[in-house]
Every structure is written in structure tokens, then in C-alpha cells.
């Protein structure tokens, strides 16, 4: 069997990574939470989203920096996230892995 360097992503990690990629330059905690909820129908706490964002950043799959202060946030800055090359590769590996698992499978 062919050896791979694939390290499984949990379903929530996948959902958060997909949301970050989809949101492009507007990926911050609440926008990611809204996007995941919209796509999955799951209502997740803000804490759960930030926990996953932090974990993915520690794994080198996300990077973040602070955006400009905005008046609607009382001058506070948003932490903006973007997927790294490693994160995008992990998503693609996950997609291929699951596609291979589902190949030829039919629910009776």
C-alpha cells in the first residue's frame, strides 16, 4: 500500500478551513462562524470557532493578522485569517481521502 503523509482533519476543522478559503480576505471569527452555520446547518458557539481557528493556526494551516480599526467596532481591530499552502493541501488531501472512501459505496 502506498504511504501518504495525510493527517486527518476533523469535520469541524475541514468546515472552518473551507469557510476561511471561501471568505477570502473577510475571514474573521464571526464571519467564519456564520459561513460554517450557513453551509452545515450547525449552530456553533463563538468559542468553538475560535478554538478551531487557534488549533489550525498552531498546526500551520492558517495565518492571521489584525485588520484596521473600525468605528463600528469601537476602534477595535478584527483578527483576519487566511489559509496557508499547508492548509489548502490538507483540505485537498482530505477531499481525496473521503472521495476514495466513498467510491463504490452505496447506502442500501
C-alpha atoms as a PDB file:
ATOM      1  CA  UNK A   1       0.000   0.000   0.000  1.00  0.00           C
ATOM      2  CA  UNK A   2       1.175   3.478  -0.890  1.00  0.00           C
ATOM      3  CA  UNK A   3       2.321   5.532   2.107  1.00  0.00           C
ATOM      4  CA  UNK A   4       0.934   9.035   2.476  1.00  0.00           C
ATOM      5  CA  UNK A   5       1.660  11.956   4.725  1.00  0.00           C
ATOM      6  CA  UNK A   6      -2.066  12.573   5.115  1.00  0.00           C
ATOM      7  CA  UNK A   7      -3.065  13.550   8.624  1.00  0.00           C
ATOM      8  CA  UNK A   8      -6.802  13.503   9.082  1.00  0.00           C
ATOM      9  CA  UNK A   9      -8.673  16.716   9.671  1.00  0.00           C
ATOM     10  CA  UNK A  10     -11.775  16.585  11.793  1.00  0.00           C
ATOM     11  CA  UNK A  11     -15.038  17.557  10.146  1.00  0.00           C
ATOM     12  CA  UNK A  12     -15.172  20.859  12.023  1.00  0.00           C
ATOM     13  CA  UNK A  13     -11.574  21.645  11.079  1.00  0.00           C
ATOM     14  CA  UNK A  14     -12.463  20.976   7.441  1.00  0.00           C
ATOM     15  CA  UNK A  15     -15.561  23.165   7.677  1.00  0.00           C
ATOM     16  CA  UNK A  16     -13.612  26.040   9.231  1.00  0.00           C
ATOM     17  CA  UNK A  17     -10.815  25.789   6.656  1.00  0.00           C
ATOM     18  CA  UNK A  18     -13.331  25.750   3.801  1.00  0.00           C
ATOM     19  CA  UNK A  19     -15.081  28.786   5.296  1.00  0.00           C
ATOM     20  CA  UNK A  20     -11.790  30.686   5.595  1.00  0.00           C
ATOM     21  CA  UNK A  21     -10.874  29.908   1.978  1.00  0.00           C
ATOM     22  CA  UNK A  22     -14.373  30.862   0.796  1.00  0.00           C
ATOM     23  CA  UNK A  23     -14.416  34.152   2.686  1.00  0.00           C
ATOM     24  CA  UNK A  24     -11.022  35.148   1.283  1.00  0.00           C
ATOM     25  CA  UNK A  25      -9.991  38.467   2.857  1.00  0.00           C
ATOM     26  CA  UNK A  26     -13.076  38.712   5.077  1.00  0.00           C
ATOM     27  CA  UNK A  27     -12.425  35.652   7.262  1.00  0.00           C
ATOM     28  CA  UNK A  28     -12.654  36.595  10.927  1.00  0.00           C
ATOM     29  CA  UNK A  29     -14.232  34.716  13.827  1.00  0.00           C
ATOM     30  CA  UNK A  30     -17.862  35.741  13.406  1.00  0.00           C
ATOM     31  CA  UNK A  31     -17.839  35.597   9.597  1.00  0.00           C
ATOM     32  CA  UNK A  32     -16.342  32.089   9.783  1.00  0.00           C
ATOM     33  CA  UNK A  33     -18.974  31.088  12.366  1.00  0.00           C
ATOM     34  CA  UNK A  34     -21.744  32.399  10.080  1.00  0.00           C
ATOM     35  CA  UNK A  35     -20.311  30.669   6.998  1.00  0.00           C
ATOM     36  CA  UNK A  36     -19.955  27.310   8.749  1.00  0.00           C
ATOM     37  CA  UNK A  37     -23.504  27.622  10.069  1.00  0.00           C
ATOM     38  CA  UNK A  38     -24.858  28.530   6.635  1.00  0.00           C
ATOM     39  CA  UNK A  39     -23.100  25.634   4.910  1.00  0.00           C
ATOM     40  CA  UNK A  40     -23.654  22.933   7.534  1.00  0.00           C
ATOM     41  CA  UNK A  41     -26.782  23.951   9.383  1.00  0.00           C
ATOM     42  CA  UNK A  42     -24.855  23.577  12.644  1.00  0.00           C
ATOM     43  CA  UNK A  43     -25.064  26.303  15.258  1.00  0.00           C
ATOM     44  CA  UNK A  44     -21.625  26.522  16.794  1.00  0.00           C
ATOM     45  CA  UNK A  45     -20.549  28.702  19.682  1.00  0.00           C
ATOM     46  CA  UNK A  46     -18.109  31.505  19.085  1.00  0.00           C
ATOM     47  CA  UNK A  47     -15.734  29.759  21.497  1.00  0.00           C
ATOM     48  CA  UNK A  48     -15.813  26.569  19.430  1.00  0.00           C
ATOM     49  CA  UNK A  49     -14.963  28.501  16.268  1.00  0.00           C
ATOM     50  CA  UNK A  50     -12.088  30.378  17.907  1.00  0.00           C
ATOM     51  CA  UNK A  51     -10.767  27.143  19.389  1.00  0.00           C
ATOM     52  CA  UNK A  52     -10.617  25.550  15.927  1.00  0.00           C
ATOM     53  CA  UNK A  53      -9.107  28.684  14.368  1.00  0.00           C
ATOM     54  CA  UNK A  54      -6.409  28.685  17.044  1.00  0.00           C
ATOM     55  CA  UNK A  55      -5.709  24.968  16.621  1.00  0.00           C
ATOM     56  CA  UNK A  56      -5.436  25.307  12.833  1.00  0.00           C
ATOM     57  CA  UNK A  57      -3.080  28.249  13.246  1.00  0.00           C
ATOM     58  CA  UNK A  58      -0.903  26.203  15.630  1.00  0.00           C
ATOM     59  CA  UNK A  59      -0.809  23.411  13.024  1.00  0.00           C
ATOM     60  CA  UNK A  60       0.401  25.901  10.405  1.00  0.00           C
ATOM     61  CA  UNK A  61      -2.763  25.636   8.307  1.00  0.00           C
ATOM     62  CA  UNK A  62      -3.884  29.203   8.966  1.00  0.00           C
ATOM     63  CA  UNK A  63      -2.164  32.529   9.414  1.00  0.00           C
ATOM     64  CA  UNK A  64      -3.706  35.627  10.915  1.00  0.00           C
ATOM     65  CA  UNK A  65      -3.090  39.291  11.425  1.00  0.00           C
ATOM     66  CA  UNK A  66      -5.011  42.240  12.754  1.00  0.00           C
ATOM     67  CA  UNK A  67      -7.062  44.330  10.345  1.00  0.00           C
ATOM     68  CA  UNK A  68      -7.562  48.066  10.546  1.00  0.00           C
ATOM     69  CA  UNK A  69      -9.582  49.532  13.425  1.00  0.00           C
ATOM     70  CA  UNK A  70     -13.204  50.220  12.526  1.00  0.00           C
ATOM     71  CA  UNK A  71     -15.644  52.719  14.060  1.00  0.00           C
ATOM     72  CA  UNK A  72     -18.456  50.133  14.204  1.00  0.00           C
ATOM     73  CA  UNK A  73     -16.245  48.002  16.467  1.00  0.00           C
ATOM     74  CA  UNK A  74     -15.389  50.937  18.737  1.00  0.00           C
ATOM     75  CA  UNK A  75     -11.950  51.248  17.167  1.00  0.00           C
ATOM     76  CA  UNK A  76     -11.069  47.598  17.772  1.00  0.00           C
ATOM     77  CA  UNK A  77      -9.379  45.533  15.098  1.00  0.00           C
ATOM     78  CA  UNK A  78     -10.534  42.183  13.711  1.00  0.00           C
ATOM     79  CA  UNK A  79      -8.192  39.210  13.582  1.00  0.00           C
ATOM     80  CA  UNK A  80      -8.290  38.151   9.931  1.00  0.00           C
ATOM     81  CA  UNK A  81      -7.433  34.584   8.911  1.00  0.00           C
ATOM     82  CA  UNK A  82      -6.132  33.097   5.673  1.00  0.00           C
ATOM     83  CA  UNK A  83      -5.310  29.547   4.728  1.00  0.00           C
ATOM     84  CA  UNK A  84      -1.681  28.682   4.180  1.00  0.00           C
ATOM     85  CA  UNK A  85      -0.380  26.424   1.453  1.00  0.00           C
ATOM     86  CA  UNK A  86      -0.243  23.656   4.050  1.00  0.00           C
ATOM     87  CA  UNK A  87      -3.898  24.241   4.968  1.00  0.00           C
ATOM     88  CA  UNK A  88      -5.035  24.149   1.346  1.00  0.00           C
ATOM     89  CA  UNK A  89      -3.027  20.967   0.769  1.00  0.00           C
ATOM     90  CA  UNK A  90      -4.626  19.383   3.848  1.00  0.00           C
ATOM     91  CA  UNK A  91      -8.090  20.242   2.513  1.00  0.00           C
ATOM     92  CA  UNK A  92      -7.314  18.703  -0.853  1.00  0.00           C
ATOM     93  CA  UNK A  93      -5.862  15.585   0.789  1.00  0.00           C
ATOM     94  CA  UNK A  94      -8.978  15.305   2.930  1.00  0.00           C
ATOM     95  CA  UNK A  95     -11.247  15.672  -0.101  1.00  0.00           C
ATOM     96  CA  UNK A  96      -9.363  12.962  -2.000  1.00  0.00           C
ATOM     97  CA  UNK A  97      -9.258  10.669   1.031  1.00  0.00           C
ATOM     98  CA  UNK A  98     -13.005  10.850   1.581  1.00  0.00           C
ATOM     99  CA  UNK A  99     -13.759  10.592  -2.121  1.00  0.00           C
ATOM    100  CA  UNK A 100     -11.741   7.370  -2.246  1.00  0.00           C
ATOM    101  CA  UNK A 101     -13.556   6.051   0.793  1.00  0.00           C
ATOM    102  CA  UNK A 102     -16.966   6.726  -0.770  1.00  0.00           C
ATOM    103  CA  UNK A 103     -16.031   5.297  -4.163  1.00  0.00           C
ATOM    104  CA  UNK A 104     -18.211   2.312  -4.960  1.00  0.00           C
ATOM    105  CA  UNK A 105     -20.209   2.626  -1.750  1.00  0.00           C
ATOM    106  CA  UNK A 106     -23.965   2.757  -1.896  1.00  0.00           C
ATOM    107  CA  UNK A 107     -26.317   3.119   1.015  1.00  0.00           C
ATOM    108  CA  UNK A 108     -28.919   0.376   0.800  1.00  0.00           C
END
